[in-house]
PDB file of N, CA and C in Angstrom:
ATOM      1  N   UNK A   1       0.817  -1.194   0.000  1.00  0.00           N
ATOM      2  CA  UNK A   1       0.000   0.000   0.000  1.00  0.00           C
ATOM      3  C   UNK A   1       0.861   1.258   0.000  1.00  0.00           C
ATOM      4  N   UNK A   2       1.996   1.229   0.668  1.00  0.00           N
ATOM      5  CA  UNK A   2       2.848   2.412   0.726  1.00  0.00           C
ATOM      6  C   UNK A   2       3.445   2.721  -0.648  1.00  0.00           C
ATOM      7  N   UNK A   3       3.617   1.707  -1.521  1.00  0.00           N
ATOM      8  CA  UNK A   3       4.150   1.953  -2.855  1.00  0.00           C
ATOM      9  C   UNK A   3       3.153   2.738  -3.713  1.00  0.00           C
ATOM     10  N   UNK A   4       1.860   2.483  -3.540  1.00  0.00           N
ATOM     11  CA  UNK A   4       0.836   3.171  -4.320  1.00  0.00           C
ATOM     12  C   UNK A   4       0.581   4.585  -3.826  1.00  0.00           C
ATOM     13  N   UNK A   5       0.886   4.878  -2.591  1.00  0.00           N
ATOM     14  CA  UNK A   5       0.557   6.170  -1.991  1.00  0.00           C
ATOM     15  C   UNK A   5       1.167   7.358  -2.732  1.00  0.00           C
ATOM     16  N   UNK A   6       2.478   7.372  -3.047  1.00  0.00           N
ATOM     17  CA  UNK A   6       3.031   8.528  -3.762  1.00  0.00           C
ATOM     18  C   UNK A   6       2.379   8.723  -5.128  1.00  0.00           C
ATOM     19  N   UNK A   7       2.109   7.644  -5.846  1.00  0.00           N
ATOM     20  CA  UNK A   7       1.482   7.734  -7.158  1.00  0.00           C
ATOM     21  C   UNK A   7       0.089   8.339  -7.037  1.00  0.00           C
ATOM     22  N   UNK A   8      -0.703   7.845  -6.099  1.00  0.00           N
ATOM     23  CA  UNK A   8      -2.050   8.375  -5.920  1.00  0.00           C
ATOM     24  C   UNK A   8      -2.005   9.836  -5.487  1.00  0.00           C
ATOM     25  N   UNK A   9      -1.098  10.177  -4.605  1.00  0.00           N
ATOM     26  CA  UNK A   9      -0.995  11.542  -4.121  1.00  0.00           C
ATOM     27  C   UNK A   9      -0.641  12.488  -5.266  1.00  0.00           C
ATOM     28  N   UNK A  10       0.282  12.110  -6.109  1.00  0.00           N
ATOM     29  CA  UNK A  10       0.688  12.966  -7.217  1.00  0.00           C
ATOM     30  C   UNK A  10      -0.451  13.100  -8.237  1.00  0.00           C
ATOM     31  N   UNK A  11      -1.148  12.010  -8.492  1.00  0.00           N
ATOM     32  CA  UNK A  11      -2.272  12.059  -9.428  1.00  0.00           C
ATOM     33  C   UNK A  11      -3.414  12.912  -8.859  1.00  0.00           C
ATOM     34  N   UNK A  12      -3.663  12.769  -7.569  1.00  0.00           N
ATOM     35  CA  UNK A  12      -4.694  13.597  -6.930  1.00  0.00           C
ATOM     36  C   UNK A  12      -4.292  15.062  -6.961  1.00  0.00           C
ATOM     37  N   UNK A  13      -3.013  15.350  -6.756  1.00  0.00           N
ATOM     38  CA  UNK A  13      -2.515  16.725  -6.810  1.00  0.00           C
ATOM     39  C   UNK A  13      -2.748  17.307  -8.206  1.00  0.00           C
ATOM     40  N   UNK A  14      -2.481  16.509  -9.241  1.00  0.00           N
ATOM     41  CA  UNK A  14      -2.714  16.971 -10.604  1.00  0.00           C
ATOM     42  C   UNK A  14      -4.184  17.341 -10.796  1.00  0.00           C
ATOM     43  N   UNK A  15      -5.085  16.492 -10.357  1.00  0.00           N
ATOM     44  CA  UNK A  15      -6.513  16.752 -10.522  1.00  0.00           C
ATOM     45  C   UNK A  15      -6.935  18.029  -9.787  1.00  0.00           C
ATOM     46  N   UNK A  16      -6.423  18.216  -8.567  1.00  0.00           N
ATOM     47  CA  UNK A  16      -6.760  19.427  -7.807  1.00  0.00           C
ATOM     48  C   UNK A  16      -6.247  20.678  -8.531  1.00  0.00           C
ATOM     49  N   UNK A  17      -5.014  20.630  -9.009  1.00  0.00           N
ATOM     50  CA  UNK A  17      -4.454  21.780  -9.718  1.00  0.00           C
ATOM     51  C   UNK A  17      -5.188  22.016 -11.032  1.00  0.00           C
ATOM     52  N   UNK A  18      -5.486  20.947 -11.760  1.00  0.00           N
ATOM     53  CA  UNK A  18      -6.168  21.063 -13.046  1.00  0.00           C
ATOM     54  C   UNK A  18      -7.550  21.709 -12.861  1.00  0.00           C
ATOM     55  N   UNK A  19      -8.228  21.350 -11.782  1.00  0.00           N
ATOM     56  CA  UNK A  19      -9.566  21.875 -11.513  1.00  0.00           C
ATOM     57  C   UNK A  19      -9.544  23.183 -10.738  1.00  0.00           C
ATOM     58  N   UNK A  20      -8.389  23.614 -10.267  1.00  0.00           N
ATOM     59  CA  UNK A  20      -8.276  24.866  -9.537  1.00  0.00           C
ATOM     60  C   UNK A  20      -8.827  24.797  -8.120  1.00  0.00           C
ATOM     61  N   UNK A  21      -8.783  23.607  -7.539  1.00  0.00           N
ATOM     62  CA  UNK A  21      -9.311  23.432  -6.187  1.00  0.00           C
ATOM     63  C   UNK A  21      -8.321  23.978  -5.156  1.00  0.00           C
ATOM     64  N   UNK A  22      -8.809  24.839  -4.279  1.00  0.00           N
ATOM     65  CA  UNK A  22      -8.015  25.405  -3.198  1.00  0.00           C
ATOM     66  C   UNK A  22      -8.790  25.211  -1.897  1.00  0.00           C
ATOM     67  N   UNK A  23      -8.156  25.421  -0.763  1.00  0.00           N
ATOM     68  CA  UNK A  23      -8.895  25.298   0.503  1.00  0.00           C
ATOM     69  C   UNK A  23     -10.094  26.255   0.587  1.00  0.00           C
ATOM     70  N   UNK A  24     -10.031  27.359  -0.140  1.00  0.00           N
ATOM     71  CA  UNK A  24     -11.130  28.326  -0.110  1.00  0.00           C
ATOM     72  C   UNK A  24     -12.181  28.075  -1.179  1.00  0.00           C
ATOM     73  N   UNK A  25     -11.990  27.060  -2.003  1.00  0.00           N
ATOM     74  CA  UNK A  25     -12.942  26.757  -3.077  1.00  0.00           C
ATOM     75  C   UNK A  25     -12.246  26.659  -4.423  1.00  0.00           C
ATOM     76  N   UNK A  26     -13.010  26.834  -5.480  1.00  0.00           N
ATOM     77  CA  UNK A  26     -12.480  26.733  -6.835  1.00  0.00           C
ATOM     78  C   UNK A  26     -11.936  28.090  -7.276  1.00  0.00           C
ATOM     79  N   UNK A  27     -10.704  28.075  -7.780  1.00  0.00           N
ATOM     80  CA  UNK A  27     -10.060  29.293  -8.282  1.00  0.00           C
ATOM     81  C   UNK A  27      -9.788  29.070  -9.761  1.00  0.00           C
ATOM     82  N   UNK A  28     -10.643  29.621 -10.594  1.00  0.00           N
ATOM     83  CA  UNK A  28     -10.555  29.400 -12.042  1.00  0.00           C
ATOM     84  C   UNK A  28      -9.252  29.964 -12.621  1.00  0.00           C
ATOM     85  N   UNK A  29      -8.790  31.084 -12.110  1.00  0.00           N
ATOM     86  CA  UNK A  29      -7.546  31.680 -12.620  1.00  0.00           C
ATOM     87  C   UNK A  29      -6.357  30.747 -12.384  1.00  0.00           C
ATOM     88  N   UNK A  30      -6.274  30.137 -11.200  1.00  0.00           N
ATOM     89  CA  UNK A  30      -5.175  29.198 -10.915  1.00  0.00           C
ATOM     90  C   UNK A  30      -5.278  27.970 -11.813  1.00  0.00           C
ATOM     91  N   UNK A  31      -6.497  27.519 -12.056  1.00  0.00           N
ATOM     92  CA  UNK A  31      -6.717  26.378 -12.926  1.00  0.00           C
ATOM     93  C   UNK A  31      -6.200  26.669 -14.328  1.00  0.00           C
ATOM     94  N   UNK A  32      -6.563  27.818 -14.876  1.00  0.00           N
ATOM     95  CA  UNK A  32      -6.139  28.170 -16.223  1.00  0.00           C
ATOM     96  C   UNK A  32      -4.624  28.344 -16.306  1.00  0.00           C
ATOM     97  N   UNK A  33      -4.037  28.951 -15.296  1.00  0.00           N
ATOM     98  CA  UNK A  33      -2.584  29.155 -15.281  1.00  0.00           C
ATOM     99  C   UNK A  33      -1.855  27.811 -15.273  1.00  0.00           C
ATOM    100  N   UNK A  34      -2.311  26.885 -14.446  1.00  0.00           N
ATOM    101  CA  UNK A  34      -1.695  25.560 -14.380  1.00  0.00           C
ATOM    102  C   UNK A  34      -1.860  24.825 -15.707  1.00  0.00           C
ATOM    103  N   UNK A  35      -3.064  24.877 -16.264  1.00  0.00           N
ATOM    104  CA  UNK A  35      -3.321  24.185 -17.528  1.00  0.00           C
ATOM    105  C   UNK A  35      -2.431  24.738 -18.640  1.00  0.00           C
ATOM    106  N   UNK A  36      -2.308  26.045 -18.727  1.00  0.00           N
ATOM    107  CA  UNK A  36      -1.459  26.647 -19.755  1.00  0.00           C
ATOM    108  C   UNK A  36       0.000  26.247 -19.564  1.00  0.00           C
ATOM    109  N   UNK A  37       0.446  26.231 -18.324  1.00  0.00           N
ATOM    110  CA  UNK A  37       1.825  25.865 -18.010  1.00  0.00           C
ATOM    111  C   UNK A  37       2.127  24.431 -18.453  1.00  0.00           C
ATOM    112  N   UNK A  38       1.272  23.513 -18.050  1.00  0.00           N
ATOM    113  CA  UNK A  38       1.493  22.098 -18.372  1.00  0.00           C
ATOM    114  C   UNK A  38       1.342  21.856 -19.877  1.00  0.00           C
ATOM    115  N   UNK A  39       0.305  22.430 -20.476  1.00  0.00           N
ATOM    116  CA  UNK A  39       0.078  22.198 -21.895  1.00  0.00           C
ATOM    117  C   UNK A  39       1.188  22.789 -22.760  1.00  0.00           C
ATOM    118  N   UNK A  40       1.835  23.845 -22.300  1.00  0.00           N
ATOM    119  CA  UNK A  40       2.979  24.387 -23.039  1.00  0.00           C
ATOM    120  C   UNK A  40       4.125  23.367 -23.065  1.00  0.00           C
ATOM    121  N   UNK A  41       4.355  22.687 -21.963  1.00  0.00           N
ATOM    122  CA  UNK A  41       5.382  21.641 -21.927  1.00  0.00           C
ATOM    123  C   UNK A  41       4.995  20.483 -22.843  1.00  0.00           C
ATOM    124  N   UNK A  42       3.726  20.117 -22.838  1.00  0.00           N
ATOM    125  CA  UNK A  42       3.249  19.033 -23.705  1.00  0.00           C
ATOM    126  C   UNK A  42       3.437  19.431 -25.171  1.00  0.00           C
ATOM    127  N   UNK A  43       3.119  20.682 -25.506  1.00  0.00           N
ATOM    128  CA  UNK A  43       3.276  21.169 -26.872  1.00  0.00           C
ATOM    129  C   UNK A  43       4.732  21.090 -27.311  1.00  0.00           C
ATOM    130  N   UNK A  44       5.649  21.458 -26.416  1.00  0.00           N
ATOM    131  CA  UNK A  44       7.073  21.415 -26.749  1.00  0.00           C
ATOM    132  C   UNK A  44       7.552  19.989 -26.996  1.00  0.00           C
ATOM    133  N   UNK A  45       6.852  19.028 -26.449  1.00  0.00           N
ATOM    134  CA  UNK A  45       7.205  17.627 -26.672  1.00  0.00           C
ATOM    135  C   UNK A  45       6.508  17.078 -27.920  1.00  0.00           C
ATOM    136  N   UNK A  46       5.803  17.958 -28.622  1.00  0.00           N
ATOM    137  CA  UNK A  46       5.095  17.614 -29.860  1.00  0.00           C
ATOM    138  C   UNK A  46       4.074  16.512 -29.655  1.00  0.00           C
ATOM    139  N   UNK A  47       3.285  16.678 -28.617  1.00  0.00           N
ATOM    140  CA  UNK A  47       2.171  15.768 -28.340  1.00  0.00           C
ATOM    141  C   UNK A  47       0.877  16.565 -28.451  1.00  0.00           C
ATOM    142  N   UNK A  48      -0.234  15.862 -28.611  1.00  0.00           N
ATOM    143  CA  UNK A  48      -1.517  16.564 -28.690  1.00  0.00           C
ATOM    144  C   UNK A  48      -1.851  17.175 -27.330  1.00  0.00           C
ATOM    145  N   UNK A  49      -2.497  18.324 -27.369  1.00  0.00           N
ATOM    146  CA  UNK A  49      -2.800  19.078 -26.152  1.00  0.00           C
ATOM    147  C   UNK A  49      -4.084  18.563 -25.516  1.00  0.00           C
ATOM    148  N   UNK A  50      -3.955  17.465 -24.785  1.00  0.00           N
ATOM    149  CA  UNK A  50      -5.101  16.871 -24.109  1.00  0.00           C
ATOM    150  C   UNK A  50      -4.819  16.772 -22.613  1.00  0.00           C
ATOM    151  N   UNK A  51      -5.885  16.605 -21.864  1.00  0.00           N
ATOM    152  CA  UNK A  51      -5.726  16.455 -20.419  1.00  0.00           C
ATOM    153  C   UNK A  51      -4.940  15.182 -20.104  1.00  0.00           C
ATOM    154  N   UNK A  52      -5.174  14.148 -20.864  1.00  0.00           N
ATOM    155  CA  UNK A  52      -4.461  12.885 -20.637  1.00  0.00           C
ATOM    156  C   UNK A  52      -2.956  13.058 -20.849  1.00  0.00           C
ATOM    157  N   UNK A  53      -2.557  13.751 -21.903  1.00  0.00           N
ATOM    158  CA  UNK A  53      -1.126  14.005 -22.113  1.00  0.00           C
ATOM    159  C   UNK A  53      -0.561  14.923 -21.046  1.00  0.00           C
ATOM    160  N   UNK A  54      -1.359  15.866 -20.574  1.00  0.00           N
ATOM    161  CA  UNK A  54      -0.923  16.744 -19.489  1.00  0.00           C
ATOM    162  C   UNK A  54      -0.694  15.926 -18.223  1.00  0.00           C
ATOM    163  N   UNK A  55      -1.601  14.992 -17.934  1.00  0.00           N
ATOM    164  CA  UNK A  55      -1.441  14.125 -16.764  1.00  0.00           C
ATOM    165  C   UNK A  55      -0.197  13.254 -16.927  1.00  0.00           C
ATOM    166  N   UNK A  56       0.011  12.713 -18.112  1.00  0.00           N
ATOM    167  CA  UNK A  56       1.189  11.878 -18.363  1.00  0.00           C
ATOM    168  C   UNK A  56       2.477  12.688 -18.198  1.00  0.00           C
ATOM    169  N   UNK A  57       2.468  13.947 -18.613  1.00  0.00           N
ATOM    170  CA  UNK A  57       3.640  14.812 -18.411  1.00  0.00           C
ATOM    171  C   UNK A  57       3.876  15.017 -16.914  1.00  0.00           C
ATOM    172  N   UNK A  58       2.820  15.335 -16.174  1.00  0.00           N
ATOM    173  CA  UNK A  58       2.914  15.587 -14.730  1.00  0.00           C
ATOM    174  C   UNK A  58       3.460  14.364 -14.004  1.00  0.00           C
ATOM    175  N   UNK A  59       3.063  13.182 -14.449  1.00  0.00           N
ATOM    176  CA  UNK A  59       3.496  11.949 -13.804  1.00  0.00           C
ATOM    177  C   UNK A  59       4.886  11.507 -14.279  1.00  0.00           C
ATOM    178  N   UNK A  60       5.435  12.161 -15.278  1.00  0.00           N
ATOM    179  CA  UNK A  60       6.772  11.832 -15.770  1.00  0.00           C
ATOM    180  C   UNK A  60       6.792  10.783 -16.859  1.00  0.00           C
ATOM    181  N   UNK A  61       5.622  10.359 -17.320  1.00  0.00           N
ATOM    182  CA  UNK A  61       5.561   9.298 -18.325  1.00  0.00           C
ATOM    183  C   UNK A  61       6.024   9.783 -19.696  1.00  0.00           C
ATOM    184  N   UNK A  62       5.687  11.001 -20.071  1.00  0.00           N
ATOM    185  CA  UNK A  62       6.110  11.514 -21.379  1.00  0.00           C
ATOM    186  C   UNK A  62       7.622  11.683 -21.441  1.00  0.00           C
ATOM    187  N   UNK A  63       8.221  12.134 -20.344  1.00  0.00           N
ATOM    188  CA  UNK A  63       9.665  12.316 -20.325  1.00  0.00           C
ATOM    189  C   UNK A  63      10.374  10.969 -20.506  1.00  0.00           C
ATOM    190  N   UNK A  64       9.878   9.930 -19.840  1.00  0.00           N
ATOM    191  CA  UNK A  64      10.471   8.593 -19.991  1.00  0.00           C
ATOM    192  C   UNK A  64      10.316   8.092 -21.409  1.00  0.00           C
ATOM    193  N   UNK A  65       9.153   8.365 -21.997  1.00  0.00           N
ATOM    194  CA  UNK A  65       8.896   7.953 -23.377  1.00  0.00           C
ATOM    195  C   UNK A  65       9.895   8.618 -24.327  1.00  0.00           C
ATOM    196  N   UNK A  66      10.155   9.894 -24.142  1.00  0.00           N
ATOM    197  CA  UNK A  66      11.100  10.620 -24.985  1.00  0.00           C
ATOM    198  C   UNK A  66      12.512  10.070 -24.795  1.00  0.00           C
ATOM    199  N   UNK A  67      12.900   9.814 -23.552  1.00  0.00           N
ATOM    200  CA  UNK A  67      14.237   9.265 -23.273  1.00  0.00           C
ATOM    201  C   UNK A  67      14.408   7.920 -23.942  1.00  0.00           C
ATOM    202  N   UNK A  68      13.379   7.084 -23.928  1.00  0.00           N
ATOM    203  CA  UNK A  68      13.473   5.752 -24.531  1.00  0.00           C
ATOM    204  C   UNK A  68      13.597   5.827 -26.048  1.00  0.00           C
ATOM    205  N   UNK A  69      12.980   6.829 -26.667  1.00  0.00           N
ATOM    206  CA  UNK A  69      13.063   6.933 -28.118  1.00  0.00           C
ATOM    207  C   UNK A  69      14.383   7.559 -28.586  1.00  0.00           C
ATOM    208  N   UNK A  70      15.077   8.259 -27.702  1.00  0.00           N
ATOM    209  CA  UNK A  70      16.355   8.885 -28.065  1.00  0.00           C
ATOM    210  C   UNK A  70      17.485   7.871 -28.101  1.00  0.00           C
ATOM    211  N   UNK A  71      17.364   6.766 -27.410  1.00  0.00           N
ATOM    212  CA  UNK A  71      18.446   5.777 -27.371  1.00  0.00           C
ATOM    213  C   UNK A  71      18.255   4.678 -28.337  1.00  0.00           C
TER     214      UNK A  71
END
């Protein structure tokens, strides 16, 4: 169970940031800023600008994929 905890925590963090959830409620400006930030990185990796690719970038999966194709 402890092995799954960091993965779940990071994925939950992504969802909270993507949705703009804060202790005071939903902050749409923070949501948009985070989405633009992540999607810009996804764009630079020449991937389609989707939430799934943004999540994969946040989790480090896209970076590993790029490293594997370079070797």
